[in-house]
Amino acid sequence: MTKAEFVELVQKTGGFESKAAAERAVKAFVDSVTEALKKKESVSLVGFGTFTTVEVPKKEGKVPGTNKTYVKPAHTAPKFKFGKTIKEAVANA
């Protein structure tokens, strides 16, 4: 599903008057979650899931089939854990 298709679904499901209003709602949600994750705060939506951040340690490795090595620095990564309601809905679909 593309973003445009998702916006149409949000418009229909949420009863928005226009696609522009639905797109603003989707953008506001995405921007709000992004802002919270930048501050390393978690966003928990009961039944839907939880957005969090995790600290990923530095990683060193070798490229298979060559003698080249690489180093991936430590960083913070976003993570999402689905809620029970969504897991059950998908399993029963």
N, C-alpha and C. Protein backbone atom coordinates (compact mmCIF):
# COMPACT_ATOMS: atom_id res chain seq x y z
N MET A 1 0.84 -1.18 0.00
CA MET A 1 0.00 0.00 0.00
C MET A 1 0.89 1.24 0.00
N THR A 2 0.63 2.13 -0.91
CA THR A 2 1.40 3.37 -0.99
C THR A 2 0.86 4.39 0.01
N LYS A 3 1.61 5.47 0.19
CA LYS A 3 1.16 6.53 1.10
C LYS A 3 -0.16 7.11 0.63
N ALA A 4 -0.31 7.34 -0.67
CA ALA A 4 -1.55 7.90 -1.21
C ALA A 4 -2.73 6.97 -0.93
N GLU A 5 -2.54 5.67 -1.12
CA GLU A 5 -3.60 4.71 -0.83
C GLU A 5 -3.93 4.69 0.65
N PHE A 6 -2.89 4.82 1.48
CA PHE A 6 -3.10 4.84 2.93
C PHE A 6 -3.89 6.08 3.33
N VAL A 7 -3.57 7.23 2.74
CA VAL A 7 -4.29 8.47 3.04
C VAL A 7 -5.76 8.32 2.67
N GLU A 8 -6.05 7.70 1.53
CA GLU A 8 -7.44 7.45 1.12
C GLU A 8 -8.15 6.56 2.14
N LEU A 9 -7.46 5.53 2.62
CA LEU A 9 -8.04 4.64 3.62
C LEU A 9 -8.32 5.40 4.92
N VAL A 10 -7.39 6.25 5.34
CA VAL A 10 -7.58 7.05 6.55
C VAL A 10 -8.77 8.00 6.36
N GLN A 11 -8.89 8.58 5.17
CA GLN A 11 -10.01 9.48 4.90
C GLN A 11 -11.33 8.74 5.04
N LYS A 12 -11.41 7.56 4.45
CA LYS A 12 -12.64 6.78 4.48
C LYS A 12 -12.94 6.28 5.90
N THR A 13 -11.93 5.73 6.57
CA THR A 13 -12.12 5.15 7.89
C THR A 13 -12.36 6.22 8.95
N GLY A 14 -11.64 7.34 8.84
CA GLY A 14 -11.74 8.39 9.84
C GLY A 14 -12.83 9.41 9.59
N GLY A 15 -13.48 9.33 8.43
CA GLY A 15 -14.55 10.26 8.12
C GLY A 15 -14.06 11.67 7.85
N PHE A 16 -12.85 11.81 7.33
CA PHE A 16 -12.32 13.13 6.98
C PHE A 16 -13.04 13.66 5.75
N GLU A 17 -13.23 14.98 5.70
CA GLU A 17 -13.95 15.60 4.59
C GLU A 17 -13.16 15.59 3.29
N SER A 18 -11.83 15.62 3.40
CA SER A 18 -11.00 15.66 2.19
C SER A 18 -9.74 14.83 2.39
N LYS A 19 -9.10 14.53 1.24
CA LYS A 19 -7.83 13.82 1.30
C LYS A 19 -6.78 14.69 1.97
N ALA A 20 -6.85 16.00 1.76
CA ALA A 20 -5.88 16.92 2.36
C ALA A 20 -5.95 16.86 3.89
N ALA A 21 -7.15 16.79 4.44
CA ALA A 21 -7.32 16.70 5.89
C ALA A 21 -6.76 15.38 6.41
N ALA A 22 -7.03 14.30 5.69
CA ALA A 22 -6.52 12.99 6.09
C ALA A 22 -5.00 12.96 6.00
N GLU A 23 -4.46 13.59 4.95
CA GLU A 23 -3.00 13.62 4.79
C GLU A 23 -2.35 14.44 5.92
N ARG A 24 -2.98 15.53 6.33
CA ARG A 24 -2.47 16.32 7.45
C ARG A 24 -2.47 15.49 8.74
N ALA A 25 -3.51 14.68 8.93
CA ALA A 25 -3.59 13.83 10.12
C ALA A 25 -2.48 12.79 10.12
N VAL A 26 -2.24 12.16 8.97
CA VAL A 26 -1.18 11.16 8.86
C VAL A 26 0.18 11.81 9.09
N LYS A 27 0.39 12.97 8.48
CA LYS A 27 1.66 13.69 8.64
C LYS A 27 1.87 14.11 10.09
N ALA A 28 0.82 14.57 10.75
CA ALA A 28 0.92 14.98 12.15
C ALA A 28 1.30 13.79 13.03
N PHE A 29 0.71 12.63 12.76
CA PHE A 29 1.03 11.42 13.53
C PHE A 29 2.49 11.04 13.34
N VAL A 30 2.92 10.97 12.09
CA VAL A 30 4.30 10.56 11.79
C VAL A 30 5.30 11.56 12.40
N ASP A 31 5.03 12.85 12.23
CA ASP A 31 5.92 13.88 12.78
C ASP A 31 5.98 13.82 14.31
N SER A 32 4.84 13.58 14.94
CA SER A 32 4.80 13.50 16.40
C SER A 32 5.58 12.31 16.93
N VAL A 33 5.41 11.16 16.30
CA VAL A 33 6.17 9.97 16.72
C VAL A 33 7.66 10.19 16.49
N THR A 34 8.02 10.77 15.35
CA THR A 34 9.43 11.05 15.05
C THR A 34 10.03 11.98 16.10
N GLU A 35 9.31 13.02 16.46
CA GLU A 35 9.81 13.99 17.45
C GLU A 35 10.01 13.32 18.81
N ALA A 36 9.08 12.47 19.21
CA ALA A 36 9.21 11.76 20.48
C ALA A 36 10.42 10.82 20.46
N LEU A 37 10.63 10.11 19.35
CA LEU A 37 11.75 9.18 19.26
C LEU A 37 13.09 9.92 19.24
N LYS A 38 13.12 11.12 18.64
CA LYS A 38 14.35 11.92 18.66
C LYS A 38 14.74 12.25 20.10
N LYS A 39 13.74 12.44 20.96
CA LYS A 39 13.98 12.74 22.37
C LYS A 39 14.19 11.46 23.19
N LYS A 40 14.21 10.32 22.51
CA LYS A 40 14.37 8.99 23.11
C LYS A 40 13.24 8.66 24.09
N GLU A 41 12.05 9.16 23.76
CA GLU A 41 10.85 8.83 24.51
C GLU A 41 10.12 7.72 23.76
N SER A 42 9.38 6.90 24.48
CA SER A 42 8.60 5.86 23.82
C SER A 42 7.17 6.36 23.64
N VAL A 43 6.50 5.85 22.60
CA VAL A 43 5.11 6.18 22.33
C VAL A 43 4.35 4.86 22.36
N SER A 44 3.45 4.73 23.32
CA SER A 44 2.70 3.50 23.49
C SER A 44 1.23 3.75 23.17
N LEU A 45 0.71 3.04 22.19
CA LEU A 45 -0.70 3.13 21.80
C LEU A 45 -1.34 1.79 22.13
N VAL A 46 -2.13 1.75 23.18
CA VAL A 46 -2.71 0.50 23.68
C VAL A 46 -3.47 -0.21 22.56
N GLY A 47 -3.16 -1.48 22.37
CA GLY A 47 -3.79 -2.30 21.35
C GLY A 47 -3.12 -2.21 20.00
N PHE A 48 -2.39 -1.13 19.75
CA PHE A 48 -1.72 -0.94 18.46
C PHE A 48 -0.27 -1.36 18.56
N GLY A 49 0.48 -0.75 19.48
CA GLY A 49 1.88 -1.09 19.63
C GLY A 49 2.67 0.01 20.30
N THR A 50 3.98 -0.20 20.38
CA THR A 50 4.86 0.74 21.06
C THR A 50 6.06 1.07 20.18
N PHE A 51 6.28 2.37 19.99
CA PHE A 51 7.45 2.88 19.30
C PHE A 51 8.50 3.20 20.35
N THR A 52 9.72 2.69 20.19
CA THR A 52 10.81 2.96 21.12
C THR A 52 12.11 3.14 20.34
N THR A 53 13.16 3.47 21.09
CA THR A 53 14.49 3.51 20.49
C THR A 53 15.38 2.51 21.23
N VAL A 54 16.37 1.99 20.53
CA VAL A 54 17.34 1.08 21.13
C VAL A 54 18.74 1.54 20.77
N GLU A 55 19.67 1.32 21.68
CA GLU A 55 21.06 1.64 21.42
C GLU A 55 21.73 0.43 20.77
N VAL A 56 22.28 0.62 19.58
CA VAL A 56 22.93 -0.47 18.84
C VAL A 56 24.45 -0.29 19.01
N PRO A 57 25.15 -1.31 19.51
CA PRO A 57 26.60 -1.16 19.73
C PRO A 57 27.39 -1.15 18.42
N LYS A 58 28.62 -0.71 18.50
CA LYS A 58 29.53 -0.70 17.35
C LYS A 58 29.70 -2.13 16.84
N LYS A 59 29.79 -2.27 15.53
CA LYS A 59 29.94 -3.59 14.94
C LYS A 59 31.08 -3.58 13.95
N GLU A 60 31.95 -4.57 14.05
CA GLU A 60 33.03 -4.75 13.10
C GLU A 60 32.82 -6.07 12.40
N GLY A 61 33.16 -6.13 11.13
CA GLY A 61 32.97 -7.38 10.41
C GLY A 61 33.82 -7.42 9.15
N LYS A 62 33.70 -8.55 8.46
CA LYS A 62 34.44 -8.78 7.23
C LYS A 62 33.45 -9.01 6.11
N VAL A 63 33.70 -8.40 4.96
CA VAL A 63 32.83 -8.58 3.80
C VAL A 63 33.10 -9.98 3.25
N PRO A 64 32.05 -10.82 3.13
CA PRO A 64 32.25 -12.19 2.65
C PRO A 64 32.89 -12.23 1.26
N GLY A 65 33.84 -13.13 1.08
CA GLY A 65 34.49 -13.32 -0.21
C GLY A 65 35.62 -12.35 -0.49
N THR A 66 35.90 -11.45 0.44
CA THR A 66 36.99 -10.49 0.25
C THR A 66 37.76 -10.37 1.56
N ASN A 67 38.84 -9.62 1.51
CA ASN A 67 39.60 -9.36 2.73
C ASN A 67 39.23 -8.01 3.34
N LYS A 68 38.22 -7.36 2.77
CA LYS A 68 37.82 -6.05 3.26
C LYS A 68 37.07 -6.18 4.59
N THR A 69 37.34 -5.23 5.46
CA THR A 69 36.62 -5.18 6.73
C THR A 69 35.84 -3.86 6.80
N TYR A 70 34.89 -3.83 7.70
CA TYR A 70 34.10 -2.61 7.89
C TYR A 70 33.85 -2.39 9.37
N VAL A 71 33.54 -1.15 9.71
CA VAL A 71 33.17 -0.79 11.07
C VAL A 71 31.89 0.03 10.99
N LYS A 72 30.86 -0.44 11.66
CA LYS A 72 29.61 0.30 11.74
C LYS A 72 29.55 0.91 13.13
N PRO A 73 29.52 2.24 13.22
CA PRO A 73 29.57 2.88 14.53
C PRO A 73 28.31 2.62 15.36
N ALA A 74 28.44 2.81 16.67
CA ALA A 74 27.29 2.68 17.56
C ALA A 74 26.28 3.77 17.19
N HIS A 75 25.00 3.43 17.31
CA HIS A 75 23.96 4.39 16.96
C HIS A 75 22.65 4.06 17.67
N THR A 76 21.71 4.97 17.59
CA THR A 76 20.38 4.76 18.13
C THR A 76 19.46 4.41 16.97
N ALA A 77 18.65 3.37 17.15
CA ALA A 77 17.75 2.93 16.08
C ALA A 77 16.30 2.90 16.58
N PRO A 78 15.35 3.19 15.69
CA PRO A 78 13.94 3.09 16.08
C PRO A 78 13.50 1.63 16.10
N LYS A 79 12.50 1.36 16.93
CA LYS A 79 11.99 -0.01 17.05
C LYS A 79 10.48 0.08 17.27
N PHE A 80 9.75 -0.90 16.74
CA PHE A 80 8.30 -0.95 16.94
C PHE A 80 7.91 -2.36 17.36
N LYS A 81 7.09 -2.45 18.39
CA LYS A 81 6.58 -3.74 18.84
C LYS A 81 5.05 -3.71 18.72
N PHE A 82 4.51 -4.63 17.95
CA PHE A 82 3.07 -4.68 17.73
C PHE A 82 2.34 -5.07 19.01
N GLY A 83 1.13 -4.51 19.17
CA GLY A 83 0.29 -4.84 20.32
C GLY A 83 -0.49 -6.12 20.08
N LYS A 84 -1.06 -6.64 21.15
CA LYS A 84 -1.78 -7.90 21.11
C LYS A 84 -2.99 -7.84 20.16
N THR A 85 -3.70 -6.72 20.16
CA THR A 85 -4.90 -6.59 19.32
C THR A 85 -4.57 -6.74 17.84
N ILE A 86 -3.51 -6.10 17.39
CA ILE A 86 -3.11 -6.19 15.97
C ILE A 86 -2.60 -7.59 15.65
N LYS A 87 -1.81 -8.16 16.54
CA LYS A 87 -1.30 -9.52 16.30
C LYS A 87 -2.46 -10.50 16.12
N GLU A 88 -3.47 -10.40 16.98
CA GLU A 88 -4.61 -11.31 16.89
C GLU A 88 -5.43 -11.05 15.63
N ALA A 89 -5.62 -9.79 15.26
CA ALA A 89 -6.40 -9.46 14.06
C ALA A 89 -5.74 -10.01 12.80
N VAL A 90 -4.41 -9.89 12.72
CA VAL A 90 -3.70 -10.39 11.55
C VAL A 90 -3.70 -11.91 11.52
N ALA A 91 -3.54 -12.53 12.68
CA ALA A 91 -3.51 -14.00 12.75
C ALA A 91 -4.88 -14.59 12.36
N ASN A 92 -5.95 -13.87 12.66
CA ASN A 92 -7.30 -14.39 12.38
C ASN A 92 -7.87 -13.92 11.05
N ALA A 93 -7.08 -13.18 10.27
CA ALA A 93 -7.58 -12.64 8.99
C ALA A 93 -7.60 -13.70 7.91
